PDB file of N, CA and C in Angstrom:
ATOM      1  N   MET A   1      -7.633  26.322 -10.512  1.00  0.00           N
ATOM      2  CA  MET A   1      -6.221  26.093 -10.286  1.00  0.00           C
ATOM      3  C   MET A   1      -5.795  24.858 -11.077  1.00  0.00           C
ATOM      4  N   PHE A   2      -4.760  24.952 -11.822  1.00  0.00           N
ATOM      5  CA  PHE A   2      -4.256  23.859 -12.643  1.00  0.00           C
ATOM      6  C   PHE A   2      -3.423  22.906 -11.793  1.00  0.00           C
ATOM      7  N   VAL A   3      -3.668  21.614 -11.944  1.00  0.00           N
ATOM      8  CA  VAL A   3      -2.945  20.618 -11.158  1.00  0.00           C
ATOM      9  C   VAL A   3      -2.123  19.738 -12.084  1.00  0.00           C
ATOM     10  N   ARG A   4      -0.876  19.523 -11.722  1.00  0.00           N
ATOM     11  CA  ARG A   4       0.019  18.655 -12.489  1.00  0.00           C
ATOM     12  C   ARG A   4       0.391  17.465 -11.633  1.00  0.00           C
ATOM     13  N   ALA A   5       0.772  16.383 -12.265  1.00  0.00           N
ATOM     14  CA  ALA A   5       1.226  15.200 -11.528  1.00  0.00           C
ATOM     15  C   ALA A   5       2.684  14.954 -11.860  1.00  0.00           C
ATOM     16  N   LEU A   6       3.460  14.688 -10.843  1.00  0.00           N
ATOM     17  CA  LEU A   6       4.872  14.367 -11.005  1.00  0.00           C
ATOM     18  C   LEU A   6       5.012  12.872 -10.778  1.00  0.00           C
ATOM     19  N   ARG A   7       5.395  12.133 -11.794  1.00  0.00           N
ATOM     20  CA  ARG A   7       5.513  10.689 -11.678  1.00  0.00           C
ATOM     21  C   ARG A   7       6.972  10.316 -11.500  1.00  0.00           C
ATOM     22  N   LEU A   8       7.201   9.448 -10.540  1.00  0.00           N
ATOM     23  CA  LEU A   8       8.542   8.965 -10.280  1.00  0.00           C
ATOM     24  C   LEU A   8       8.562   7.466 -10.479  1.00  0.00           C
ATOM     25  N   ILE A   9       9.481   6.995 -11.264  1.00  0.00           N
ATOM     26  CA  ILE A   9       9.577   5.568 -11.536  1.00  0.00           C
ATOM     27  C   ILE A   9      10.558   4.946 -10.576  1.00  0.00           C
ATOM     28  N   ASN A  10      10.132   3.863  -9.979  1.00  0.00           N
ATOM     29  CA  ASN A  10      10.980   3.081  -9.091  1.00  0.00           C
ATOM     30  C   ASN A  10      12.178   2.596  -9.898  1.00  0.00           C
ATOM     31  N   PRO A  11      13.382   2.589  -9.323  1.00  0.00           N
ATOM     32  CA  PRO A  11      14.554   2.119 -10.064  1.00  0.00           C
ATOM     33  C   PRO A  11      14.376   0.710 -10.633  1.00  0.00           C
ATOM     34  N   MET A  12      13.531  -0.087 -10.024  1.00  0.00           N
ATOM     35  CA  MET A  12      13.283  -1.432 -10.536  1.00  0.00           C
ATOM     36  C   MET A  12      12.365  -1.387 -11.761  1.00  0.00           C
ATOM     37  N   GLY A  13      11.714  -0.268 -11.992  1.00  0.00           N
ATOM     38  CA  GLY A  13      10.925  -0.065 -13.192  1.00  0.00           C
ATOM     39  C   GLY A  13       9.511  -0.614 -13.146  1.00  0.00           C
ATOM     40  N   PHE A  14       9.054  -1.128 -12.028  1.00  0.00           N
ATOM     41  CA  PHE A  14       7.747  -1.761 -12.010  1.00  0.00           C
ATOM     42  C   PHE A  14       6.708  -1.040 -11.162  1.00  0.00           C
ATOM     43  N   GLN A  15       7.060   0.059 -10.597  1.00  0.00           N
ATOM     44  CA  GLN A  15       6.129   0.742  -9.702  1.00  0.00           C
ATOM     45  C   GLN A  15       6.313   2.236  -9.854  1.00  0.00           C
ATOM     46  N   TYR A  16       5.246   2.985  -9.732  1.00  0.00           N
ATOM     47  CA  TYR A  16       5.389   4.432  -9.714  1.00  0.00           C
ATOM     48  C   TYR A  16       4.400   5.029  -8.729  1.00  0.00           C
ATOM     49  N   ARG A  17       4.719   6.199  -8.287  1.00  0.00           N
ATOM     50  CA  ARG A  17       3.840   6.947  -7.401  1.00  0.00           C
ATOM     51  C   ARG A  17       3.573   8.292  -8.061  1.00  0.00           C
ATOM     52  N   THR A  18       2.419   8.816  -7.818  1.00  0.00           N
ATOM     53  CA  THR A  18       2.073  10.122  -8.356  1.00  0.00           C
ATOM     54  C   THR A  18       1.916  11.108  -7.215  1.00  0.00           C
ATOM     55  N   PHE A  19       2.581  12.219  -7.320  1.00  0.00           N
ATOM     56  CA  PHE A  19       2.469  13.285  -6.338  1.00  0.00           C
ATOM     57  C   PHE A  19       1.825  14.466  -7.035  1.00  0.00           C
ATOM     58  N   ARG A  20       0.777  14.996  -6.460  1.00  0.00           N
ATOM     59  CA  ARG A  20       0.088  16.130  -7.069  1.00  0.00           C
ATOM     60  C   ARG A  20       0.538  17.431  -6.401  1.00  0.00           C
ATOM     61  N   PHE A  21       0.664  18.432  -7.208  1.00  0.00           N
ATOM     62  CA  PHE A  21       0.973  19.750  -6.657  1.00  0.00           C
ATOM     63  C   PHE A  21       0.364  20.802  -7.564  1.00  0.00           C
ATOM     64  N   CYS A  22       0.046  21.915  -6.996  1.00  0.00           N
ATOM     65  CA  CYS A  22      -0.550  23.005  -7.761  1.00  0.00           C
ATOM     66  C   CYS A  22       0.522  23.670  -8.604  1.00  0.00           C
ATOM     67  N   SER A  23       0.169  23.995  -9.815  1.00  0.00           N
ATOM     68  CA  SER A  23       1.121  24.616 -10.716  1.00  0.00           C
ATOM     69  C   SER A  23       1.078  26.128 -10.549  1.00  0.00           C
ATOM     70  N   THR A  24       1.531  26.587  -9.406  1.00  0.00           N
ATOM     71  CA  THR A  24       1.610  28.017  -9.157  1.00  0.00           C
ATOM     72  C   THR A  24       3.084  28.394  -9.083  1.00  0.00           C
ATOM     73  N   THR A  25       3.353  29.646  -9.211  1.00  0.00           N
ATOM     74  CA  THR A  25       4.731  30.114  -9.131  1.00  0.00           C
ATOM     75  C   THR A  25       5.347  29.760  -7.788  1.00  0.00           C
ATOM     76  N   GLN A  26       4.561  29.904  -6.717  1.00  0.00           N
ATOM     77  CA  GLN A  26       5.072  29.606  -5.382  1.00  0.00           C
ATOM     78  C   GLN A  26       5.465  28.132  -5.260  1.00  0.00           C
ATOM     79  N   ASN A  27       4.614  27.230  -5.729  1.00  0.00           N
ATOM     80  CA  ASN A  27       4.928  25.811  -5.630  1.00  0.00           C
ATOM     81  C   ASN A  27       6.069  25.419  -6.559  1.00  0.00           C
ATOM     82  N   LYS A  28       6.154  26.053  -7.699  1.00  0.00           N
ATOM     83  CA  LYS A  28       7.255  25.791  -8.617  1.00  0.00           C
ATOM     84  C   LYS A  28       8.578  26.206  -7.974  1.00  0.00           C
ATOM     85  N   GLU A  29       8.573  27.367  -7.336  1.00  0.00           N
ATOM     86  CA  GLU A  29       9.768  27.840  -6.643  1.00  0.00           C
ATOM     87  C   GLU A  29      10.117  26.927  -5.475  1.00  0.00           C
ATOM     88  N   LEU A  30       9.096  26.440  -4.773  1.00  0.00           N
ATOM     89  CA  LEU A  30       9.312  25.533  -3.656  1.00  0.00           C
ATOM     90  C   LEU A  30       9.927  24.222  -4.133  1.00  0.00           C
ATOM     91  N   LEU A  31       9.422  23.696  -5.250  1.00  0.00           N
ATOM     92  CA  LEU A  31       9.984  22.467  -5.815  1.00  0.00           C
ATOM     93  C   LEU A  31      11.436  22.679  -6.231  1.00  0.00           C
ATOM     94  N   GLU A  32      11.725  23.823  -6.830  1.00  0.00           N
ATOM     95  CA  GLU A  32      13.104  24.137  -7.217  1.00  0.00           C
ATOM     96  C   GLU A  32      14.004  24.258  -5.992  1.00  0.00           C
ATOM     97  N   GLU A  33      13.481  24.845  -4.919  1.00  0.00           N
ATOM     98  CA  GLU A  33      14.247  24.995  -3.687  1.00  0.00           C
ATOM     99  C   GLU A  33      14.546  23.625  -3.062  1.00  0.00           C
ATOM    100  N   VAL A  34      13.536  22.763  -3.020  1.00  0.00           N
ATOM    101  CA  VAL A  34      13.728  21.412  -2.474  1.00  0.00           C
ATOM    102  C   VAL A  34      14.727  20.646  -3.330  1.00  0.00           C
ATOM    103  N   THR A  35      14.584  20.727  -4.640  1.00  0.00           N
ATOM    104  CA  THR A  35      15.509  20.044  -5.553  1.00  0.00           C
ATOM    105  C   THR A  35      16.932  20.521  -5.325  1.00  0.00           C
ATOM    106  N   SER A  36      17.112  21.828  -5.228  1.00  0.00           N
ATOM    107  CA  SER A  36      18.433  22.400  -5.008  1.00  0.00           C
ATOM    108  C   SER A  36      19.038  21.913  -3.695  1.00  0.00           C
ATOM    109  N   LYS A  37      18.220  21.895  -2.645  1.00  0.00           N
ATOM    110  CA  LYS A  37      18.691  21.479  -1.332  1.00  0.00           C
ATOM    111  C   LYS A  37      19.078  20.000  -1.330  1.00  0.00           C
ATOM    112  N   VAL A  38      18.255  19.148  -1.960  1.00  0.00           N
ATOM    113  CA  VAL A  38      18.560  17.717  -2.033  1.00  0.00           C
ATOM    114  C   VAL A  38      19.862  17.503  -2.791  1.00  0.00           C
ATOM    115  N   LEU A  39      20.019  18.165  -3.933  1.00  0.00           N
ATOM    116  CA  LEU A  39      21.247  18.009  -4.729  1.00  0.00           C
ATOM    117  C   LEU A  39      22.463  18.521  -3.961  1.00  0.00           C
ATOM    118  N   GLN A  40      22.305  19.603  -3.224  1.00  0.00           N
ATOM    119  CA  GLN A  40      23.406  20.153  -2.426  1.00  0.00           C
ATOM    120  C   GLN A  40      23.852  19.158  -1.357  1.00  0.00           C
ATOM    121  N   VAL A  41      22.900  18.542  -0.657  1.00  0.00           N
ATOM    122  CA  VAL A  41      23.234  17.557   0.371  1.00  0.00           C
ATOM    123  C   VAL A  41      23.913  16.350  -0.266  1.00  0.00           C
ATOM    124  N   MET A  42      23.419  15.926  -1.415  1.00  0.00           N
ATOM    125  CA  MET A  42      24.017  14.773  -2.114  1.00  0.00           C
ATOM    126  C   MET A  42      25.461  15.093  -2.524  1.00  0.00           C
ATOM    127  N   LYS A  43      25.693  16.293  -3.037  1.00  0.00           N
ATOM    128  CA  LYS A  43      27.037  16.691  -3.466  1.00  0.00           C
ATOM    129  C   LYS A  43      28.026  16.685  -2.311  1.00  0.00           C
ATOM    130  N   SER A  44      27.528  16.977  -1.117  1.00  0.00           N
ATOM    131  CA  SER A  44      28.417  17.051   0.037  1.00  0.00           C
ATOM    132  C   SER A  44      28.859  15.682   0.544  1.00  0.00           C
ATOM    133  N   ALA A  45      28.217  14.624   0.084  1.00  0.00           N
ATOM    134  CA  ALA A  45      28.601  13.275   0.508  1.00  0.00           C
ATOM    135  C   ALA A  45      29.937  12.913  -0.132  1.00  0.00           C
ATOM    136  N   ALA A  46      30.842  12.375   0.663  1.00  0.00           N
ATOM    137  CA  ALA A  46      32.189  12.064   0.190  1.00  0.00           C
ATOM    138  C   ALA A  46      32.186  11.054  -0.954  1.00  0.00           C
ATOM    139  N   LYS A  47      31.292  10.080  -0.902  1.00  0.00           N
ATOM    140  CA  LYS A  47      31.280   9.022  -1.911  1.00  0.00           C
ATOM    141  C   LYS A  47      30.532   9.387  -3.190  1.00  0.00           C
ATOM    142  N   CYS A  48      29.837  10.488  -3.202  1.00  0.00           N
ATOM    143  CA  CYS A  48      28.967  10.830  -4.327  1.00  0.00           C
ATOM    144  C   CYS A  48      29.760  11.048  -5.615  1.00  0.00           C
ATOM    145  N   LYS A  49      29.329  10.357  -6.669  1.00  0.00           N
ATOM    146  CA  LYS A  49      29.898  10.573  -7.998  1.00  0.00           C
ATOM    147  C   LYS A  49      29.157  11.767  -8.600  1.00  0.00           C
ATOM    148  N   VAL A  50      29.707  12.947  -8.372  1.00  0.00           N
ATOM    149  CA  VAL A  50      29.041  14.198  -8.738  1.00  0.00           C
ATOM    150  C   VAL A  50      28.741  14.264 -10.229  1.00  0.00           C
ATOM    151  N   ASP A  51      29.579  13.681 -11.053  1.00  0.00           N
ATOM    152  CA  ASP A  51      29.358  13.720 -12.493  1.00  0.00           C
ATOM    153  C   ASP A  51      28.097  12.949 -12.898  1.00  0.00           C
ATOM    154  N   LYS A  52      27.628  12.051 -12.068  1.00  0.00           N
ATOM    155  CA  LYS A  52      26.421  11.280 -12.369  1.00  0.00           C
ATOM    156  C   LYS A  52      25.194  11.824 -11.651  1.00  0.00           C
ATOM    157  N   LEU A  53      25.364  12.891 -10.882  1.00  0.00           N
ATOM    158  CA  LEU A  53      24.278  13.441 -10.085  1.00  0.00           C
ATOM    159  C   LEU A  53      23.233  14.125 -10.964  1.00  0.00           C
ATOM    160  N   SER A  54      22.012  13.637 -10.882  1.00  0.00           N
ATOM    161  CA  SER A  54      20.863  14.232 -11.571  1.00  0.00           C
ATOM    162  C   SER A  54      19.612  13.801 -10.823  1.00  0.00           C
ATOM    163  N   ASP A  55      18.488  14.385 -11.190  1.00  0.00           N
ATOM    164  CA  ASP A  55      17.258  14.021 -10.492  1.00  0.00           C
ATOM    165  C   ASP A  55      16.766  12.619 -10.848  1.00  0.00           C
ATOM    166  N   LYS A  56      17.378  11.986 -11.839  1.00  0.00           N
ATOM    167  CA  LYS A  56      16.997  10.627 -12.227  1.00  0.00           C
ATOM    168  C   LYS A  56      17.964   9.563 -11.695  1.00  0.00           C
ATOM    169  N   ALA A  57      19.038   9.982 -11.065  1.00  0.00           N
ATOM    170  CA  ALA A  57      20.070   9.053 -10.600  1.00  0.00           C
ATOM    171  C   ALA A  57      19.605   8.265  -9.379  1.00  0.00           C
ATOM    172  N   THR A  58      19.989   6.986  -9.359  1.00  0.00           N
ATOM    173  CA  THR A  58      19.720   6.162  -8.179  1.00  0.00           C
ATOM    174  C   THR A  58      20.916   6.286  -7.241  1.00  0.00           C
ATOM    175  N   PHE A  59      20.701   5.913  -5.992  1.00  0.00           N
ATOM    176  CA  PHE A  59      21.806   5.940  -5.034  1.00  0.00           C
ATOM    177  C   PHE A  59      22.920   5.009  -5.484  1.00  0.00           C
ATOM    178  N   GLU A  60      22.547   3.893  -6.068  1.00  0.00           N
ATOM    179  CA  GLU A  60      23.548   2.935  -6.546  1.00  0.00           C
ATOM    180  C   GLU A  60      24.425   3.565  -7.631  1.00  0.00           C
ATOM    181  N   GLU A  61      23.810   4.289  -8.560  1.00  0.00           N
ATOM    182  CA  GLU A  61      24.567   4.961  -9.618  1.00  0.00           C
ATOM    183  C   GLU A  61      25.515   6.021  -9.063  1.00  0.00           C
ATOM    184  N   LEU A  62      25.141   6.591  -7.916  1.00  0.00           N
ATOM    185  CA  LEU A  62      25.975   7.619  -7.295  1.00  0.00           C
ATOM    186  C   LEU A  62      27.078   7.034  -6.421  1.00  0.00           C
ATOM    187  N   GLY A  63      27.108   5.705  -6.303  1.00  0.00           N
ATOM    188  CA  GLY A  63      28.156   5.052  -5.534  1.00  0.00           C
ATOM    189  C   GLY A  63      27.810   4.790  -4.085  1.00  0.00           C
ATOM    190  N   PHE A  64      26.543   4.928  -3.731  1.00  0.00           N
ATOM    191  CA  PHE A  64      26.113   4.700  -2.353  1.00  0.00           C
ATOM    192  C   PHE A  64      25.703   3.249  -2.149  1.00  0.00           C
ATOM    193  N   ASP A  65      26.138   2.656  -1.024  1.00  0.00           N
ATOM    194  CA  ASP A  65      25.612   1.347  -0.653  1.00  0.00           C
ATOM    195  C   ASP A  65      24.395   1.588   0.245  1.00  0.00           C
ATOM    196  N   SER A  66      23.799   0.520   0.798  1.00  0.00           N
ATOM    197  CA  SER A  66      22.570   0.683   1.575  1.00  0.00           C
ATOM    198  C   SER A  66      22.784   1.525   2.832  1.00  0.00           C
ATOM    199  N   LEU A  67      23.920   1.385   3.480  1.00  0.00           N
ATOM    200  CA  LEU A  67      24.204   2.195   4.669  1.00  0.00           C
ATOM    201  C   LEU A  67      24.365   3.670   4.291  1.00  0.00           C
ATOM    202  N   ASP A  68      25.046   3.929   3.177  1.00  0.00           N
ATOM    203  CA  ASP A  68      25.195   5.305   2.695  1.00  0.00           C
ATOM    204  C   ASP A  68      23.831   5.923   2.391  1.00  0.00           C
ATOM    205  N   ALA A  69      22.928   5.112   1.826  1.00  0.00           N
ATOM    206  CA  ALA A  69      21.590   5.606   1.493  1.00  0.00           C
ATOM    207  C   ALA A  69      20.843   6.019   2.760  1.00  0.00           C
ATOM    208  N   VAL A  70      20.952   5.195   3.801  1.00  0.00           N
ATOM    209  CA  VAL A  70      20.307   5.530   5.078  1.00  0.00           C
ATOM    210  C   VAL A  70      20.912   6.820   5.638  1.00  0.00           C
ATOM    211  N   GLU A  71      22.227   6.923   5.603  1.00  0.00           N
ATOM    212  CA  GLU A  71      22.899   8.127   6.095  1.00  0.00           C
ATOM    213  C   GLU A  71      22.488   9.358   5.278  1.00  0.00           C
ATOM    214  N   MET A  72      22.276   9.175   3.984  1.00  0.00           N
ATOM    215  CA  MET A  72      21.866  10.283   3.124  1.00  0.00           C
ATOM    216  C   MET A  72      20.469  10.765   3.505  1.00  0.00           C
ATOM    217  N   VAL A  73      19.551   9.839   3.766  1.00  0.00           N
ATOM    218  CA  VAL A  73      18.201  10.217   4.173  1.00  0.00           C
ATOM    219  C   VAL A  73      18.245  10.948   5.517  1.00  0.00           C
ATOM    220  N   VAL A  74      19.068  10.472   6.451  1.00  0.00           N
ATOM    221  CA  VAL A  74      19.217  11.134   7.754  1.00  0.00           C
ATOM    222  C   VAL A  74      19.788  12.544   7.552  1.00  0.00           C
ATOM    223  N   ALA A  75      20.770  12.672   6.680  1.00  0.00           N
ATOM    224  CA  ALA A  75      21.356  13.997   6.403  1.00  0.00           C
ATOM    225  C   ALA A  75      20.308  14.937   5.804  1.00  0.00           C
ATOM    226  N   LEU A  76      19.473  14.411   4.933  1.00  0.00           N
ATOM    227  CA  LEU A  76      18.406  15.223   4.347  1.00  0.00           C
ATOM    228  C   LEU A  76      17.399  15.649   5.421  1.00  0.00           C
ATOM    229  N   GLU A  77      17.043  14.715   6.306  1.00  0.00           N
ATOM    230  CA  GLU A  77      16.129  15.053   7.398  1.00  0.00           C
ATOM    231  C   GLU A  77      16.705  16.167   8.269  1.00  0.00           C
ATOM    232  N   GLU A  78      17.980  16.064   8.585  1.00  0.00           N
ATOM    233  CA  GLU A  78      18.631  17.095   9.402  1.00  0.00           C
ATOM    234  C   GLU A  78      18.657  18.430   8.670  1.00  0.00           C
ATOM    235  N   ASN A  79      18.932  18.391   7.378  1.00  0.00           N
ATOM    236  CA  ASN A  79      19.012  19.616   6.593  1.00  0.00           C
ATOM    237  C   ASN A  79      17.655  20.298   6.464  1.00  0.00           C
ATOM    238  N   PHE A  80      16.598  19.497   6.290  1.00  0.00           N
ATOM    239  CA  PHE A  80      15.254  20.066   6.155  1.00  0.00           C
ATOM    240  C   PHE A  80      14.623  20.387   7.507  1.00  0.00           C
ATOM    241  N   GLY A  81      15.124  19.780   8.585  1.00  0.00           N
ATOM    242  CA  GLY A  81      14.624  20.080   9.916  1.00  0.00           C
ATOM    243  C   GLY A  81      13.408  19.294  10.347  1.00  0.00           C
ATOM    244  N   PHE A  82      13.161  18.149   9.735  1.00  0.00           N
ATOM    245  CA  PHE A  82      12.060  17.284  10.155  1.00  0.00           C
ATOM    246  C   PHE A  82      12.367  15.844   9.780  1.00  0.00           C
ATOM    247  N   ASP A  83      11.676  14.923  10.467  1.00  0.00           N
ATOM    248  CA  ASP A  83      11.820  13.493  10.176  1.00  0.00           C
ATOM    249  C   ASP A  83      10.690  13.058   9.262  1.00  0.00           C
ATOM    250  N   ILE A  84      10.997  12.092   8.406  1.00  0.00           N
ATOM    251  CA  ILE A  84       9.960  11.518   7.550  1.00  0.00           C
ATOM    252  C   ILE A  84       9.621  10.129   8.085  1.00  0.00           C
ATOM    253  N   ALA A  85       8.490   9.599   7.670  1.00  0.00           N
ATOM    254  CA  ALA A  85       8.059   8.279   8.114  1.00  0.00           C
ATOM    255  C   ALA A  85       9.061   7.221   7.655  1.00  0.00           C
ATOM    256  N   ASN A  86       9.315   6.240   8.504  1.00  0.00           N
ATOM    257  CA  ASN A  86      10.271   5.182   8.173  1.00  0.00           C
ATOM    258  C   ASN A  86       9.908   4.456   6.886  1.00  0.00           C
ATOM    259  N   GLU A  87       8.613   4.234   6.666  1.00  0.00           N
ATOM    260  CA  GLU A  87       8.176   3.536   5.449  1.00  0.00           C
ATOM    261  C   GLU A  87       8.578   4.316   4.201  1.00  0.00           C
ATOM    262  N   GLU A  88       8.428   5.630   4.265  1.00  0.00           N
ATOM    263  CA  GLU A  88       8.802   6.454   3.110  1.00  0.00           C
ATOM    264  C   GLU A  88      10.313   6.523   2.964  1.00  0.00           C
ATOM    265  N   ALA A  89      11.016   6.600   4.081  1.00  0.00           N
ATOM    266  CA  ALA A  89      12.481   6.650   4.031  1.00  0.00           C
ATOM    267  C   ALA A  89      13.039   5.387   3.391  1.00  0.00           C
ATOM    268  N   GLU A  90      12.452   4.249   3.694  1.00  0.00           N
ATOM    269  CA  GLU A  90      12.920   2.978   3.132  1.00  0.00           C
ATOM    270  C   GLU A  90      12.690   2.887   1.631  1.00  0.00           C
ATOM    271  N   ARG A  91      11.707   3.618   1.125  1.00  0.00           N
ATOM    272  CA  ARG A  91      11.403   3.580  -0.308  1.00  0.00           C
ATOM    273  C   ARG A  91      12.279   4.508  -1.142  1.00  0.00           C
ATOM    274  N   ILE A  92      13.013   5.390  -0.493  1.00  0.00           N
ATOM    275  CA  ILE A  92      13.860   6.324  -1.242  1.00  0.00           C
ATOM    276  C   ILE A  92      15.092   5.580  -1.744  1.00  0.00           C
ATOM    277  N   LYS A  93      15.163   5.416  -3.039  1.00  0.00           N
ATOM    278  CA  LYS A  93      16.272   4.696  -3.667  1.00  0.00           C
ATOM    279  C   LYS A  93      17.049   5.556  -4.655  1.00  0.00           C
ATOM    280  N   GLY A  94      16.653   6.832  -4.748  1.00  0.00           N
ATOM    281  CA  GLY A  94      17.325   7.710  -5.694  1.00  0.00           C
ATOM    282  C   GLY A  94      16.996   9.165  -5.438  1.00  0.00           C
ATOM    283  N   VAL A  95      17.591  10.017  -6.231  1.00  0.00           N
ATOM    284  CA  VAL A  95      17.460  11.463  -6.068  1.00  0.00           C
ATOM    285  C   VAL A  95      16.025  11.925  -6.308  1.00  0.00           C
ATOM    286  N   GLY A  96      15.406  11.461  -7.370  1.00  0.00           N
ATOM    287  CA  GLY A  96      14.034  11.866  -7.696  1.00  0.00           C
ATOM    288  C   GLY A  96      13.051  11.502  -6.607  1.00  0.00           C
ATOM    289  N   GLU A  97      13.210  10.325  -6.048  1.00  0.00           N
ATOM    290  CA  GLU A  97      12.328   9.906  -4.960  1.00  0.00           C
ATOM    291  C   GLU A  97      12.558  10.761  -3.718  1.00  0.00           C
ATOM    292  N   ALA A  98      13.800  11.099  -3.443  1.00  0.00           N
ATOM    293  CA  ALA A  98      14.106  11.964  -2.297  1.00  0.00           C
ATOM    294  C   ALA A  98      13.474  13.339  -2.496  1.00  0.00           C
ATOM    295  N   ILE A  99      13.577  13.876  -3.688  1.00  0.00           N
ATOM    296  CA  ILE A  99      12.985  15.186  -3.984  1.00  0.00           C
ATOM    297  C   ILE A  99      11.476  15.124  -3.775  1.00  0.00           C
ATOM    298  N   ALA A 100      10.830  14.102  -4.306  1.00  0.00           N
ATOM    299  CA  ALA A 100       9.372  13.991  -4.203  1.00  0.00           C
ATOM    300  C   ALA A 100       8.911  13.855  -2.760  1.00  0.00           C
ATOM    301  N   VAL A 101       9.584  13.013  -1.990  1.00  0.00           N
ATOM    302  CA  VAL A 101       9.188  12.793  -0.598  1.00  0.00           C
ATOM    303  C   VAL A 101       9.391  14.063   0.229  1.00  0.00           C
ATOM    304  N   PHE A 102      10.553  14.682   0.094  1.00  0.00           N
ATOM    305  CA  PHE A 102      10.810  15.886   0.891  1.00  0.00           C
ATOM    306  C   PHE A 102       9.956  17.064   0.427  1.00  0.00           C
ATOM    307  N   TYR A 103       9.664  17.148  -0.852  1.00  0.00           N
ATOM    308  CA  TYR A 103       8.752  18.182  -1.348  1.00  0.00           C
ATOM    309  C   TYR A 103       7.372  18.003  -0.709  1.00  0.00           C
ATOM    310  N   LYS A 104       6.889  16.773  -0.674  1.00  0.00           N
ATOM    311  CA  LYS A 104       5.585  16.481  -0.079  1.00  0.00           C
ATOM    312  C   LYS A 104       5.547  16.920   1.387  1.00  0.00           C
ATOM    313  N   TYR A 105       6.602  16.602   2.118  1.00  0.00           N
ATOM    314  CA  TYR A 105       6.653  16.979   3.538  1.00  0.00           C
ATOM    315  C   TYR A 105       6.769  18.492   3.727  1.00  0.00           C
ATOM    316  N   VAL A 106       7.518  19.158   2.876  1.00  0.00           N
ATOM    317  CA  VAL A 106       7.642  20.618   2.976  1.00  0.00           C
ATOM    318  C   VAL A 106       6.288  21.269   2.708  1.00  0.00           C
ATOM    319  N   VAL A 107       5.568  20.790   1.695  1.00  0.00           N
ATOM    320  CA  VAL A 107       4.237  21.320   1.388  1.00  0.00           C
ATOM    321  C   VAL A 107       3.300  21.097   2.569  1.00  0.00           C
ATOM    322  N   GLN A 108       3.320  19.883   3.142  1.00  0.00           N
ATOM    323  CA  GLN A 108       2.475  19.591   4.306  1.00  0.00           C
ATOM    324  C   GLN A 108       2.820  20.500   5.481  1.00  0.00           C
ATOM    325  N   ARG A 109       4.110  20.689   5.704  1.00  0.00           N
ATOM    326  CA  ARG A 109       4.548  21.552   6.805  1.00  0.00           C
ATOM    327  C   ARG A 109       4.074  22.983   6.577  1.00  0.00           C
ATOM    328  N   ASN A 110       4.187  23.460   5.344  1.00  0.00           N
ATOM    329  CA  ASN A 110       3.751  24.825   5.032  1.00  0.00           C
ATOM    330  C   ASN A 110       2.239  24.992   5.178  1.00  0.00           C
ATOM    331  N   GLN A 111       1.481  23.972   4.754  1.00  0.00           N
ATOM    332  CA  GLN A 111       0.028  24.033   4.893  1.00  0.00           C
ATOM    333  C   GLN A 111      -0.393  24.017   6.357  1.00  0.00           C
ATOM    334  N   THR A 112       0.322  23.230   7.169  1.00  0.00           N
ATOM    335  CA  THR A 112       0.022  23.161   8.591  1.00  0.00           C
ATOM    336  C   THR A 112       0.322  24.496   9.265  1.00  0.00           C
ATOM    337  N   SER A 113       1.435  25.120   8.902  1.00  0.00           N
ATOM    338  CA  SER A 113       1.809  26.396   9.534  1.00  0.00           C
ATOM    339  C   SER A 113       0.861  27.520   9.098  1.00  0.00           C
ATOM    340  N   VAL A 114       0.304  27.433   7.891  1.00  0.00           N
ATOM    341  CA  VAL A 114      -0.642  28.448   7.417  1.00  0.00           C
ATOM    342  C   VAL A 114      -1.957  28.325   8.163  1.00  0.00           C
ATOM    343  N   LYS A 115      -2.381  27.100   8.455  1.00  0.00           N
ATOM    344  CA  LYS A 115      -3.662  26.880   9.142  1.00  0.00           C
ATOM    345  C   LYS A 115      -3.608  27.328  10.588  1.00  0.00           C
ATOM    346  N   GLN A 116      -2.420  27.334  11.180  1.00  0.00           N
ATOM    347  CA  GLN A 116      -2.314  27.692  12.609  1.00  0.00           C
ATOM    348  C   GLN A 116      -2.307  29.153  12.843  1.00  0.00           C
TER     349      GLN A 116
END
C-alpha cells in the first residue's frame, strides 16, 4: 500500500506537522469529502471573505478574529458530529489545518467503527 504525507505549514512558518494517509481511492474520496465539508462550513460564516477562501488561507486572511476562530471550530465539530481535543482545536489557525485535523478524526472514527 502506498503511503503519502500531507504537510501543513503553520501560518507562522516555523512548524509543520505530517499526517499520513493511505493513497487509496476511498481515502482520497474521504479527504475530498472532508475538504468540501470544511469549506462549506467556512462559507456559511457571515464574516468569511469567500473570495479568499482556499485550503491555504488562514482564519486571519478570511476576516476571523480569535473568537470567530473558536466559533468556527465549534461549528465544524457540530457539522462533523464529534468533538476534537482542545489542544488540537487551539492549533487550528487556518483552513488547511482544519481539514487535516478533521480528516484525521474522521479516519480514526471510521477505523474504530470497522473494528467493532
